[in-house]
mmCIF file of all heavy atoms, coordinates in Angstrom:
data_MODEL
# 
_entry.id   MODEL 
# 
loop_
_atom_site.group_PDB 
_atom_site.id 
_atom_site.type_symbol 
_atom_site.label_atom_id 
_atom_site.label_alt_id 
_atom_site.label_comp_id 
_atom_site.label_asym_id 
_atom_site.label_entity_id 
_atom_site.label_seq_id 
_atom_site.pdbx_PDB_ins_code 
_atom_site.Cartn_x 
_atom_site.Cartn_y 
_atom_site.Cartn_z 
_atom_site.occupancy 
_atom_site.B_iso_or_equiv 
_atom_site.pdbx_formal_charge 
_atom_site.auth_seq_id 
_atom_site.auth_comp_id 
_atom_site.auth_asym_id 
_atom_site.auth_atom_id 
_atom_site.pdbx_PDB_model_num 
ATOM 1   N N   . ALA A 1 1  ? 162.164 47.127 -57.108 1.00 0.00 ? 1  ALA A N   1 
ATOM 2   C CA  . ALA A 1 1  ? 161.824 48.506 -57.463 1.00 0.00 ? 1  ALA A CA  1 
ATOM 3   C C   . ALA A 1 1  ? 160.824 48.554 -58.618 1.00 0.00 ? 1  ALA A C   1 
ATOM 4   O O   . ALA A 1 1  ? 160.868 47.737 -59.534 1.00 0.00 ? 1  ALA A O   1 
ATOM 5   C CB  . ALA A 1 1  ? 163.076 49.286 -57.824 1.00 0.00 ? 1  ALA A CB  1 
ATOM 6   N N   . GLN A 1 2  ? 159.932 49.536 -58.536 1.00 0.00 ? 2  GLN A N   1 
ATOM 7   C CA  . GLN A 1 2  ? 158.946 49.783 -59.577 1.00 0.00 ? 2  GLN A CA  1 
ATOM 8   C C   . GLN A 1 2  ? 159.082 51.241 -59.987 1.00 0.00 ? 2  GLN A C   1 
ATOM 9   O O   . GLN A 1 2  ? 158.944 52.123 -59.142 1.00 0.00 ? 2  GLN A O   1 
ATOM 10  C CB  . GLN A 1 2  ? 157.549 49.497 -59.045 1.00 0.00 ? 2  GLN A CB  1 
ATOM 11  C CG  . GLN A 1 2  ? 156.450 49.866 -60.016 1.00 0.00 ? 2  GLN A CG  1 
ATOM 12  C CD  . GLN A 1 2  ? 155.073 49.517 -59.447 1.00 0.00 ? 2  GLN A CD  1 
ATOM 13  O OE1 . GLN A 1 2  ? 154.915 48.608 -58.657 1.00 0.00 ? 2  GLN A OE1 1 
ATOM 14  N NE2 . GLN A 1 2  ? 154.092 50.320 -59.832 1.00 0.00 ? 2  GLN A NE2 1 
ATOM 15  N N   . ILE A 1 3  ? 159.332 51.515 -61.237 1.00 0.00 ? 3  ILE A N   1 
ATOM 16  C CA  . ILE A 1 3  ? 159.497 52.866 -61.737 1.00 0.00 ? 3  ILE A CA  1 
ATOM 17  C C   . ILE A 1 3  ? 158.431 53.141 -62.772 1.00 0.00 ? 3  ILE A C   1 
ATOM 18  O O   . ILE A 1 3  ? 158.323 52.418 -63.758 1.00 0.00 ? 3  ILE A O   1 
ATOM 19  C CB  . ILE A 1 3  ? 160.909 53.107 -62.328 1.00 0.00 ? 3  ILE A CB  1 
ATOM 20  C CG1 . ILE A 1 3  ? 161.998 52.785 -61.282 1.00 0.00 ? 3  ILE A CG1 1 
ATOM 21  C CG2 . ILE A 1 3  ? 161.066 54.533 -62.773 1.00 0.00 ? 3  ILE A CG2 1 
ATOM 22  C CD1 . ILE A 1 3  ? 162.668 51.516 -61.495 1.00 0.00 ? 3  ILE A CD1 1 
ATOM 23  N N   . SER A 1 4  ? 157.622 54.166 -62.517 1.00 0.00 ? 4  SER A N   1 
ATOM 24  C CA  . SER A 1 4  ? 156.537 54.565 -63.428 1.00 0.00 ? 4  SER A CA  1 
ATOM 25  C C   . SER A 1 4  ? 156.932 55.879 -64.089 1.00 0.00 ? 4  SER A C   1 
ATOM 26  O O   . SER A 1 4  ? 157.278 56.843 -63.397 1.00 0.00 ? 4  SER A O   1 
ATOM 27  C CB  . SER A 1 4  ? 155.231 54.749 -62.654 1.00 0.00 ? 4  SER A CB  1 
ATOM 28  O OG  . SER A 1 4  ? 154.900 53.544 -61.986 1.00 0.00 ? 4  SER A OG  1 
ATOM 29  N N   . TYR A 1 5  ? 156.855 55.929 -65.406 1.00 0.00 ? 5  TYR A N   1 
ATOM 30  C CA  . TYR A 1 5  ? 157.159 57.135 -66.178 1.00 0.00 ? 5  TYR A CA  1 
ATOM 31  C C   . TYR A 1 5  ? 155.906 57.664 -66.835 1.00 0.00 ? 5  TYR A C   1 
ATOM 32  O O   . TYR A 1 5  ? 155.182 56.912 -67.491 1.00 0.00 ? 5  TYR A O   1 
ATOM 33  C CB  . TYR A 1 5  ? 158.193 56.836 -67.282 1.00 0.00 ? 5  TYR A CB  1 
ATOM 34  C CG  . TYR A 1 5  ? 159.502 56.272 -66.781 1.00 0.00 ? 5  TYR A CG  1 
ATOM 35  C CD1 . TYR A 1 5  ? 159.734 54.915 -66.685 1.00 0.00 ? 5  TYR A CD1 1 
ATOM 36  C CD2 . TYR A 1 5  ? 160.519 57.113 -66.396 1.00 0.00 ? 5  TYR A CD2 1 
ATOM 37  C CE1 . TYR A 1 5  ? 160.912 54.399 -66.243 1.00 0.00 ? 5  TYR A CE1 1 
ATOM 38  C CE2 . TYR A 1 5  ? 161.727 56.618 -65.944 1.00 0.00 ? 5  TYR A CE2 1 
ATOM 39  C CZ  . TYR A 1 5  ? 161.922 55.257 -65.861 1.00 0.00 ? 5  TYR A CZ  1 
ATOM 40  O OH  . TYR A 1 5  ? 163.113 54.751 -65.407 1.00 0.00 ? 5  TYR A OH  1 
ATOM 41  N N   . ASP A 1 6  ? 155.624 58.942 -66.635 1.00 0.00 ? 6  ASP A N   1 
ATOM 42  C CA  . ASP A 1 6  ? 154.537 59.612 -67.341 1.00 0.00 ? 6  ASP A CA  1 
ATOM 43  C C   . ASP A 1 6  ? 155.189 60.434 -68.446 1.00 0.00 ? 6  ASP A C   1 
ATOM 44  O O   . ASP A 1 6  ? 155.773 61.480 -68.184 1.00 0.00 ? 6  ASP A O   1 
ATOM 45  C CB  . ASP A 1 6  ? 153.731 60.496 -66.380 1.00 0.00 ? 6  ASP A CB  1 
ATOM 46  C CG  . ASP A 1 6  ? 152.512 61.113 -67.050 1.00 0.00 ? 6  ASP A CG  1 
ATOM 47  O OD1 . ASP A 1 6  ? 152.550 61.406 -68.245 1.00 0.00 ? 6  ASP A OD1 1 
ATOM 48  O OD2 . ASP A 1 6  ? 151.520 61.303 -66.334 1.00 0.00 ? 6  ASP A OD2 1 
ATOM 49  N N   . LEU A 1 7  ? 155.131 59.944 -69.666 1.00 0.00 ? 7  LEU A N   1 
ATOM 50  C CA  . LEU A 1 7  ? 155.854 60.565 -70.781 1.00 0.00 ? 7  LEU A CA  1 
ATOM 51  C C   . LEU A 1 7  ? 155.244 61.911 -71.178 1.00 0.00 ? 7  LEU A C   1 
ATOM 52  O O   . LEU A 1 7  ? 155.974 62.788 -71.660 1.00 0.00 ? 7  LEU A O   1 
ATOM 53  C CB  . LEU A 1 7  ? 155.890 59.618 -71.971 1.00 0.00 ? 7  LEU A CB  1 
ATOM 54  C CG  . LEU A 1 7  ? 156.510 58.242 -71.683 1.00 0.00 ? 7  LEU A CG  1 
ATOM 55  C CD1 . LEU A 1 7  ? 156.366 57.350 -72.891 1.00 0.00 ? 7  LEU A CD1 1 
ATOM 56  C CD2 . LEU A 1 7  ? 157.954 58.396 -71.258 1.00 0.00 ? 7  LEU A CD2 1 
ATOM 57  N N   . GLN A 1 8  ? 153.950 62.097 -70.987 1.00 0.00 ? 8  GLN A N   1 
ATOM 58  C CA  . GLN A 1 8  ? 153.317 63.359 -71.377 1.00 0.00 ? 8  GLN A CA  1 
ATOM 59  C C   . GLN A 1 8  ? 153.580 64.451 -70.345 1.00 0.00 ? 8  GLN A C   1 
ATOM 60  O O   . GLN A 1 8  ? 153.697 65.619 -70.699 1.00 0.00 ? 8  GLN A O   1 
ATOM 61  C CB  . GLN A 1 8  ? 151.822 63.148 -71.596 1.00 0.00 ? 8  GLN A CB  1 
ATOM 62  C CG  . GLN A 1 8  ? 151.536 62.231 -72.772 1.00 0.00 ? 8  GLN A CG  1 
ATOM 63  C CD  . GLN A 1 8  ? 150.076 61.901 -72.957 1.00 0.00 ? 8  GLN A CD  1 
ATOM 64  O OE1 . GLN A 1 8  ? 149.206 62.407 -72.261 1.00 0.00 ? 8  GLN A OE1 1 
ATOM 65  N NE2 . GLN A 1 8  ? 149.782 61.008 -73.904 1.00 0.00 ? 8  GLN A NE2 1 
ATOM 66  N N   . ALA A 1 9  ? 153.699 64.090 -69.076 1.00 0.00 ? 9  ALA A N   1 
ATOM 67  C CA  . ALA A 1 9  ? 153.951 65.089 -68.046 1.00 0.00 ? 9  ALA A CA  1 
ATOM 68  C C   . ALA A 1 9  ? 155.439 65.219 -67.717 1.00 0.00 ? 9  ALA A C   1 
ATOM 69  O O   . ALA A 1 9  ? 155.823 66.050 -66.923 1.00 0.00 ? 9  ALA A O   1 
ATOM 70  C CB  . ALA A 1 9  ? 153.204 64.696 -66.757 1.00 0.00 ? 9  ALA A CB  1 
ATOM 71  N N   . SER A 1 10 ? 156.294 64.393 -68.349 1.00 0.00 ? 10 SER A N   1 
ATOM 72  C CA  . SER A 1 10 ? 157.719 64.380 -68.069 1.00 0.00 ? 10 SER A CA  1 
ATOM 73  C C   . SER A 1 10 ? 157.977 64.190 -66.568 1.00 0.00 ? 10 SER A C   1 
ATOM 74  O O   . SER A 1 10 ? 158.724 64.962 -65.952 1.00 0.00 ? 10 SER A O   1 
ATOM 75  C CB  . SER A 1 10 ? 158.399 65.652 -68.580 1.00 0.00 ? 10 SER A CB  1 
ATOM 76  O OG  . SER A 1 10 ? 158.284 65.745 -69.975 1.00 0.00 ? 10 SER A OG  1 
ATOM 77  N N   . ALA A 1 11 ? 157.368 63.172 -65.999 1.00 0.00 ? 11 ALA A N   1 
ATOM 78  C CA  . ALA A 1 11 ? 157.515 62.894 -64.581 1.00 0.00 ? 11 ALA A CA  1 
ATOM 79  C C   . ALA A 1 11 ? 157.694 61.390 -64.371 1.00 0.00 ? 11 ALA A C   1 
ATOM 80  O O   . ALA A 1 11 ? 157.357 60.597 -65.243 1.00 0.00 ? 11 ALA A O   1 
ATOM 81  C CB  . ALA A 1 11 ? 156.293 63.386 -63.829 1.00 0.00 ? 11 ALA A CB  1 
ATOM 82  N N   . TYR A 1 12 ? 158.272 61.065 -63.212 1.00 0.00 ? 12 TYR A N   1 
ATOM 83  C CA  . TYR A 1 12 ? 158.393 59.634 -62.907 1.00 0.00 ? 12 TYR A CA  1 
ATOM 84  C C   . TYR A 1 12 ? 158.211 59.462 -61.400 1.00 0.00 ? 12 TYR A C   1 
ATOM 85  O O   . TYR A 1 12 ? 158.303 60.402 -60.624 1.00 0.00 ? 12 TYR A O   1 
ATOM 86  C CB  . TYR A 1 12 ? 159.735 59.075 -63.340 1.00 0.00 ? 12 TYR A CB  1 
ATOM 87  C CG  . TYR A 1 12 ? 160.918 59.533 -62.519 1.00 0.00 ? 12 TYR A CG  1 
ATOM 88  C CD1 . TYR A 1 12 ? 161.354 58.773 -61.443 1.00 0.00 ? 12 TYR A CD1 1 
ATOM 89  C CD2 . TYR A 1 12 ? 161.578 60.713 -62.822 1.00 0.00 ? 12 TYR A CD2 1 
ATOM 90  C CE1 . TYR A 1 12 ? 162.419 59.206 -60.684 1.00 0.00 ? 12 TYR A CE1 1 
ATOM 91  C CE2 . TYR A 1 12 ? 162.647 61.137 -62.072 1.00 0.00 ? 12 TYR A CE2 1 
ATOM 92  C CZ  . TYR A 1 12 ? 163.074 60.381 -61.015 1.00 0.00 ? 12 TYR A CZ  1 
ATOM 93  O OH  . TYR A 1 12 ? 164.135 60.799 -60.270 1.00 0.00 ? 12 TYR A OH  1 
ATOM 94  N N   . LEU A 1 13 ? 157.933 58.221 -61.001 1.00 0.00 ? 13 LEU A N   1 
ATOM 95  C CA  . LEU A 1 13 ? 157.749 57.862 -59.609 1.00 0.00 ? 13 LEU A CA  1 
ATOM 96  C C   . LEU A 1 13 ? 158.438 56.508 -59.396 1.00 0.00 ? 13 LEU A C   1 
ATOM 97  O O   . LEU A 1 13 ? 158.217 55.572 -60.155 1.00 0.00 ? 13 LEU A O   1 
ATOM 98  C CB  . LEU A 1 13 ? 156.261 57.741 -59.255 1.00 0.00 ? 13 LEU A CB  1 
ATOM 99  C CG  . LEU A 1 13 ? 155.927 57.263 -57.864 1.00 0.00 ? 13 LEU A CG  1 
ATOM 100 C CD1 . LEU A 1 13 ? 156.344 58.283 -56.814 1.00 0.00 ? 13 LEU A CD1 1 
ATOM 101 C CD2 . LEU A 1 13 ? 154.429 57.001 -57.748 1.00 0.00 ? 13 LEU A CD2 1 
ATOM 102 N N   . ALA A 1 14 ? 159.286 56.441 -58.387 1.00 0.00 ? 14 ALA A N   1 
ATOM 103 C CA  . ALA A 1 14 ? 159.968 55.190 -58.043 1.00 0.00 ? 14 ALA A CA  1 
ATOM 104 C C   . ALA A 1 14 ? 159.431 54.697 -56.726 1.00 0.00 ? 14 ALA A C   1 
ATOM 105 O O   . ALA A 1 14 ? 159.335 55.444 -55.751 1.00 0.00 ? 14 ALA A O   1 
ATOM 106 C CB  . ALA A 1 14 ? 161.467 55.397 -57.976 1.00 0.00 ? 14 ALA A CB  1 
ATOM 107 N N   . GLY A 1 15 ? 159.080 53.429 -56.668 1.00 0.00 ? 15 GLY A N   1 
ATOM 108 C CA  . GLY A 1 15 ? 158.580 52.812 -55.448 1.00 0.00 ? 15 GLY A CA  1 
ATOM 109 C C   . GLY A 1 15 ? 159.252 51.482 -55.180 1.00 0.00 ? 15 GLY A C   1 
ATOM 110 O O   . GLY A 1 15 ? 159.943 50.943 -56.047 1.00 0.00 ? 15 GLY A O   1 
ATOM 111 N N   . ARG A 1 16 ? 159.054 50.956 -54.006 1.00 0.00 ? 16 ARG A N   1 
ATOM 112 C CA  . ARG A 1 16 ? 159.645 49.689 -53.579 1.00 0.00 ? 16 ARG A CA  1 
ATOM 113 C C   . ARG A 1 16 ? 161.161 49.681 -53.707 1.00 0.00 ? 16 ARG A C   1 
ATOM 114 O O   . ARG A 1 16 ? 161.777 48.680 -54.064 1.00 0.00 ? 16 ARG A O   1 
ATOM 115 C CB  . ARG A 1 16 ? 159.067 48.508 -54.352 1.00 0.00 ? 16 ARG A CB  1 
ATOM 116 C CG  . ARG A 1 16 ? 157.694 48.134 -53.901 1.00 0.00 ? 16 ARG A CG  1 
ATOM 117 C CD  . ARG A 1 16 ? 157.306 46.796 -54.451 1.00 0.00 ? 16 ARG A CD  1 
ATOM 118 N NE  . ARG A 1 16 ? 156.729 47.002 -55.758 1.00 0.00 ? 16 ARG A NE  1 
ATOM 119 C CZ  . ARG A 1 16 ? 156.230 46.038 -56.492 1.00 0.00 ? 16 ARG A CZ  1 
ATOM 120 N NH1 . ARG A 1 16 ? 156.260 44.807 -56.082 1.00 0.00 ? 16 ARG A NH1 1 
ATOM 121 N NH2 . ARG A 1 16 ? 155.712 46.288 -57.661 1.00 0.00 ? 16 ARG A NH2 1 
ATOM 122 N N   . VAL A 1 17 ? 161.787 50.821 -53.407 1.00 0.00 ? 17 VAL A N   1 
ATOM 123 C CA  . VAL A 1 17 ? 163.237 50.913 -53.454 1.00 0.00 ? 17 VAL A CA  1 
ATOM 124 C C   . VAL A 1 17 ? 163.761 50.436 -52.083 1.00 0.00 ? 17 VAL A C   1 
ATOM 125 O O   . VAL A 1 17 ? 163.476 51.048 -51.055 1.00 0.00 ? 17 VAL A O   1 
ATOM 126 C CB  . VAL A 1 17 ? 163.702 52.361 -53.743 1.00 0.00 ? 17 VAL A CB  1 
ATOM 127 C CG1 . VAL A 1 17 ? 165.200 52.457 -53.812 1.00 0.00 ? 17 VAL A CG1 1 
ATOM 128 C CG2 . VAL A 1 17 ? 163.065 52.826 -55.052 1.00 0.00 ? 17 VAL A CG2 1 
ATOM 129 N N   . LEU A 1 18 ? 164.477 49.350 -52.057 1.00 0.00 ? 18 LEU A N   1 
ATOM 130 C CA  . LEU A 1 18 ? 164.862 48.696 -50.810 1.00 0.00 ? 18 LEU A CA  1 
ATOM 131 C C   . LEU A 1 18 ? 166.341 48.802 -50.480 1.00 0.00 ? 18 LEU A C   1 
ATOM 132 O O   . LEU A 1 18 ? 166.854 48.000 -49.708 1.00 0.00 ? 18 LEU A O   1 
ATOM 133 C CB  . LEU A 1 18 ? 164.463 47.205 -50.874 1.00 0.00 ? 18 LEU A CB  1 
ATOM 134 C CG  . LEU A 1 18 ? 162.979 46.928 -51.159 1.00 0.00 ? 18 LEU A CG  1 
ATOM 135 C CD1 . LEU A 1 18 ? 162.755 45.431 -51.293 1.00 0.00 ? 18 LEU A CD1 1 
ATOM 136 C CD2 . LEU A 1 18 ? 162.121 47.497 -50.050 1.00 0.00 ? 18 LEU A CD2 1 
ATOM 137 N N   . ASN A 1 19 ? 167.046 49.760 -51.008 1.00 0.00 ? 19 ASN A N   1 
ATOM 138 C CA  . ASN A 1 19 ? 168.492 49.823 -50.849 1.00 0.00 ? 19 ASN A CA  1 
ATOM 139 C C   . ASN A 1 19 ? 168.923 49.985 -49.384 1.00 0.00 ? 19 ASN A C   1 
ATOM 140 O O   . ASN A 1 19 ? 169.988 49.506 -49.009 1.00 0.00 ? 19 ASN A O   1 
ATOM 141 C CB  . ASN A 1 19 ? 169.076 50.974 -51.657 1.00 0.00 ? 19 ASN A CB  1 
ATOM 142 C CG  . ASN A 1 19 ? 168.959 50.727 -53.125 1.00 0.00 ? 19 ASN A CG  1 
ATOM 143 O OD1 . ASN A 1 19 ? 168.647 49.615 -53.544 1.00 0.00 ? 19 ASN A OD1 1 
ATOM 144 N ND2 . ASN A 1 19 ? 169.177 51.750 -53.916 1.00 0.00 ? 19 ASN A ND2 1 
ATOM 145 N N   . GLU A 1 20 ? 168.139 50.654 -48.554 1.00 0.00 ? 20 GLU A N   1 
ATOM 146 C CA  . GLU A 1 20 ? 168.549 50.916 -47.186 1.00 0.00 ? 20 GLU A CA  1 
ATOM 147 C C   . GLU A 1 20 ? 167.944 49.907 -46.182 1.00 0.00 ? 20 GLU A C   1 
ATOM 148 O O   . GLU A 1 20 ? 168.110 50.075 -44.983 1.00 0.00 ? 20 GLU A O   1 
ATOM 149 C CB  . GLU A 1 20 ? 168.128 52.347 -46.793 1.00 0.00 ? 20 GLU A CB  1 
ATOM 150 C CG  . GLU A 1 20 ? 168.738 53.431 -47.664 1.00 0.00 ? 20 GLU A CG  1 
ATOM 151 C CD  . GLU A 1 20 ? 170.255 53.467 -47.569 1.00 0.00 ? 20 GLU A CD  1 
ATOM 152 O OE1 . GLU A 1 20 ? 170.807 53.231 -46.466 1.00 0.00 ? 20 GLU A OE1 1 
ATOM 153 O OE2 . GLU A 1 20 ? 170.918 53.718 -48.595 1.00 0.00 ? 20 GLU A OE2 1 
ATOM 154 N N   . GLN A 1 21 ? 167.237 48.924 -46.647 1.00 0.00 ? 21 GLN A N   1 
ATOM 155 C CA  . GLN A 1 21 ? 166.604 47.967 -45.735 1.00 0.00 ? 21 GLN A CA  1 
ATOM 156 C C   . GLN A 1 21 ? 167.329 46.642 -45.757 1.00 0.00 ? 21 GLN A C   1 
ATOM 157 O O   . GLN A 1 21 ? 167.921 46.243 -46.762 1.00 0.00 ? 21 GLN A O   1 
ATOM 158 C CB  . GLN A 1 21 ? 165.142 47.751 -46.155 1.00 0.00 ? 21 GLN A CB  1 
ATOM 159 C CG  . GLN A 1 21 ? 164.291 48.991 -45.997 1.00 0.00 ? 21 GLN A CG  1 
ATOM 160 C CD  . GLN A 1 21 ? 162.858 48.725 -46.452 1.00 0.00 ? 21 GLN A CD  1 
ATOM 161 O OE1 . GLN A 1 21 ? 162.564 47.696 -47.017 1.00 0.00 ? 21 GLN A OE1 1 
ATOM 162 N NE2 . GLN A 1 21 ? 161.979 49.669 -46.180 1.00 0.00 ? 21 GLN A NE2 1 
ATOM 163 N N   . ARG A 1 22 ? 167.253 45.956 -44.617 1.00 0.00 ? 22 ARG A N   1 
ATOM 164 C CA  . ARG A 1 22 ? 167.821 44.610 -44.556 1.00 0.00 ? 22 ARG A CA  1 
ATOM 165 C C   . ARG A 1 22 ? 166.976 43.656 -45.383 1.00 0.00 ? 22 ARG A C   1 
ATOM 166 O O   . ARG A 1 22 ? 165.745 43.831 -45.455 1.00 0.00 ? 22 ARG A O   1 
ATOM 167 C CB  . ARG A 1 22 ? 167.879 44.128 -43.106 1.00 0.00 ? 22 ARG A CB  1 
ATOM 168 C CG  . ARG A 1 22 ? 168.826 44.890 -42.252 1.00 0.00 ? 22 ARG A CG  1 
ATOM 169 C CD  . ARG A 1 22 ? 168.965 44.271 -40.881 1.00 0.00 ? 22 ARG A CD  1 
ATOM 170 N NE  . ARG A 1 22 ? 167.715 43.676 -40.425 1.00 0.00 ? 22 ARG A NE  1 
ATOM 171 C CZ  . ARG A 1 22 ? 167.349 43.627 -39.169 1.00 0.00 ? 22 ARG A CZ  1 
ATOM 172 N NH1 . ARG A 1 22 ? 168.091 44.137 -38.245 1.00 0.00 ? 22 ARG A NH1 1 
ATOM 173 N NH2 . ARG A 1 22 ? 166.204 43.080 -38.821 1.00 0.00 ? 22 ARG A NH2 1 
ATOM 174 N N   . PRO A 1 23 ? 167.570 42.633 -45.935 1.00 0.00 ? 23 PRO A N   1 
ATOM 175 C CA  . PRO A 1 23 ? 166.757 41.660 -46.690 1.00 0.00 ? 23 PRO A CA  1 
ATOM 176 C C   . PRO A 1 23 ? 165.788 40.937 -45.774 1.00 0.00 ? 23 PRO A C   1 
ATOM 177 O O   . PRO A 1 23 ? 166.054 40.729 -44.589 1.00 0.00 ? 23 PRO A O   1 
ATOM 178 C CB  . PRO A 1 23 ? 167.787 40.698 -47.282 1.00 0.00 ? 23 PRO A CB  1 
ATOM 179 C CG  . PRO A 1 23 ? 169.124 41.194 -46.903 1.00 0.00 ? 23 PRO A CG  1 
ATOM 180 C CD  . PRO A 1 23 ? 168.960 42.333 -45.963 1.00 0.00 ? 23 PRO A CD  1 
ATOM 181 N N   . ALA A 1 24 ? 164.675 40.541 -46.299 1.00 0.00 ? 24 ALA A N   1 
ATOM 182 C CA  . ALA A 1 24 ? 163.673 39.789 -45.536 1.00 0.00 ? 24 ALA A CA  1 
ATOM 183 C C   . ALA A 1 24 ? 164.226 38.402 -45.241 1.00 0.00 ? 24 ALA A C   1 
ATOM 184 O O   . ALA A 1 24 ? 164.966 37.813 -46.041 1.00 0.00 ? 24 ALA A O   1 
ATOM 185 C CB  . ALA A 1 24 ? 162.384 39.674 -46.314 1.00 0.00 ? 24 ALA A CB  1 
ATOM 186 N N   . THR A 1 25 ? 163.880 37.860 -44.065 1.00 0.00 ? 25 THR A N   1 
ATOM 187 C CA  . THR A 1 25 ? 164.273 36.514 -43.717 1.00 0.00 ? 25 THR A CA  1 
ATOM 188 C C   . THR A 1 25 ? 163.012 35.664 -43.664 1.00 0.00 ? 25 THR A C   1 
ATOM 189 O O   . THR A 1 25 ? 162.066 35.987 -42.970 1.00 0.00 ? 25 THR A O   1 
ATOM 190 C CB  . THR A 1 25 ? 165.003 36.474 -42.363 1.00 0.00 ? 25 THR A CB  1 
ATOM 191 O OG1 . THR A 1 25 ? 164.178 37.076 -41.376 1.00 0.00 ? 25 THR A OG1 1 
ATOM 192 C CG2 . THR A 1 25 ? 166.332 37.212 -42.422 1.00 0.00 ? 25 THR A CG2 1 
ATOM 193 N N   . PHE A 1 26 ? 163.034 34.599 -44.399 1.00 0.00 ? 26 PHE A N   1 
ATOM 194 C CA  . PHE A 1 26 ? 161.855 33.730 -44.519 1.00 0.00 ? 26 PHE A CA  1 
ATOM 195 C C   . PHE A 1 26 ? 162.015 32.421 -43.756 1.00 0.00 ? 26 PHE A C   1 
ATOM 196 O O   . PHE A 1 26 ? 161.108 31.593 -43.759 1.00 0.00 ? 26 PHE A O   1 
ATOM 197 C CB  . PHE A 1 26 ? 161.583 33.447 -45.991 1.00 0.00 ? 26 PHE A CB  1 
ATOM 198 C CG  . PHE A 1 26 ? 161.245 34.675 -46.796 1.00 0.00 ? 26 PHE A CG  1 
ATOM 199 C CD1 . PHE A 1 26 ? 162.200 35.246 -47.604 1.00 0.00 ? 26 PHE A CD1 1 
ATOM 200 C CD2 . PHE A 1 26 ? 160.002 35.254 -46.693 1.00 0.00 ? 26 PHE A CD2 1 
ATOM 201 C CE1 . PHE A 1 26 ? 161.906 36.374 -48.330 1.00 0.00 ? 26 PHE A CE1 1 
ATOM 202 C CE2 . PHE A 1 26 ? 159.694 36.379 -47.407 1.00 0.00 ? 26 PHE A CE2 1 
ATOM 203 C CZ  . PHE A 1 26 ? 160.665 36.954 -48.240 1.00 0.00 ? 26 PHE A CZ  1 
ATOM 204 N N   . ASP A 1 27 ? 163.147 32.208 -43.113 1.00 0.00 ? 27 ASP A N   1 
ATOM 205 C CA  . ASP A 1 27 ? 163.379 30.938 -42.440 1.00 0.00 ? 27 ASP A CA  1 
ATOM 206 C C   . ASP A 1 27 ? 163.265 31.046 -40.911 1.00 0.00 ? 27 ASP A C   1 
ATOM 207 O O   . ASP A 1 27 ? 163.806 30.210 -40.209 1.00 0.00 ? 27 ASP A O   1 
ATOM 208 C CB  . ASP A 1 27 ? 164.722 30.383 -42.836 1.00 0.00 ? 27 ASP A CB  1 
ATOM 209 C CG  . ASP A 1 27 ? 165.896 31.286 -42.507 1.00 0.00 ? 27 ASP A CG  1 
ATOM 210 O OD1 . ASP A 1 27 ? 165.654 32.472 -42.191 1.00 0.00 ? 27 ASP A OD1 1 
ATOM 211 O OD2 . ASP A 1 27 ? 167.047 30.812 -42.569 1.00 0.00 ? 27 ASP A OD2 1 
ATOM 212 N N   . GLN A 1 28 ? 162.564 32.049 -40.378 1.00 0.00 ? 28 GLN A N   1 
ATOM 213 C CA  . GLN A 1 28 ? 162.393 32.194 -38.951 1.00 0.00 ? 28 GLN A CA  1 
ATOM 214 C C   . GLN A 1 28 ? 161.287 31.289 -38.456 1.00 0.00 ? 28 GLN A C   1 
ATOM 215 O O   . GLN A 1 28 ? 160.350 30.947 -39.198 1.00 0.00 ? 28 GLN A O   1 
ATOM 216 C CB  . GLN A 1 28 ? 162.060 33.640 -38.600 1.00 0.00 ? 28 GLN A CB  1 
ATOM 217 C CG  . GLN A 1 28 ? 163.177 34.608 -38.871 1.00 0.00 ? 28 GLN A CG  1 
ATOM 218 C CD  . GLN A 1 28 ? 162.781 36.027 -38.487 1.00 0.00 ? 28 GLN A CD  1 
ATOM 219 O OE1 . GLN A 1 28 ? 161.617 36.324 -38.272 1.00 0.00 ? 28 GLN A OE1 1 
ATOM 220 N NE2 . GLN A 1 28 ? 163.771 36.905 -38.417 1.00 0.00 ? 28 GLN A NE2 1 
ATOM 221 N N   . GLU A 1 29 ? 161.362 30.959 -37.184 1.00 0.00 ? 29 GLU A N   1 
ATOM 222 C CA  . GLU A 1 29 ? 160.291 30.167 -36.547 1.00 0.00 ? 29 GLU A CA  1 
ATOM 223 C C   . GLU A 1 29 ? 159.058 31.043 -36.405 1.00 0.00 ? 29 GLU A C   1 
ATOM 224 O O   . GLU A 1 29 ? 159.185 32.248 -36.155 1.00 0.00 ? 29 GLU A O   1 
ATOM 225 C CB  . GLU A 1 29 ? 160.747 29.702 -35.175 1.00 0.00 ? 29 GLU A CB  1 
ATOM 226 C CG  . GLU A 1 29 ? 161.846 28.630 -35.225 1.00 0.00 ? 29 GLU A CG  1 
ATOM 227 C CD  . GLU A 1 29 ? 161.357 27.334 -35.852 1.00 0.00 ? 29 GLU A CD  1 
ATOM 228 O OE1 . GLU A 1 29 ? 160.223 26.921 -35.578 1.00 0.00 ? 29 GLU A OE1 1 
ATOM 229 O OE2 . GLU A 1 29 ? 162.134 26.743 -36.627 1.00 0.00 ? 29 GLU A OE2 1 
# 
């Protein structure tokens, strides 16, 4: 997850939130 906070605008943006996705598998053929 990447969370960006804009302190002057009192806003934030969260990205790469993977809670609902299956983990990646790197050992496949």
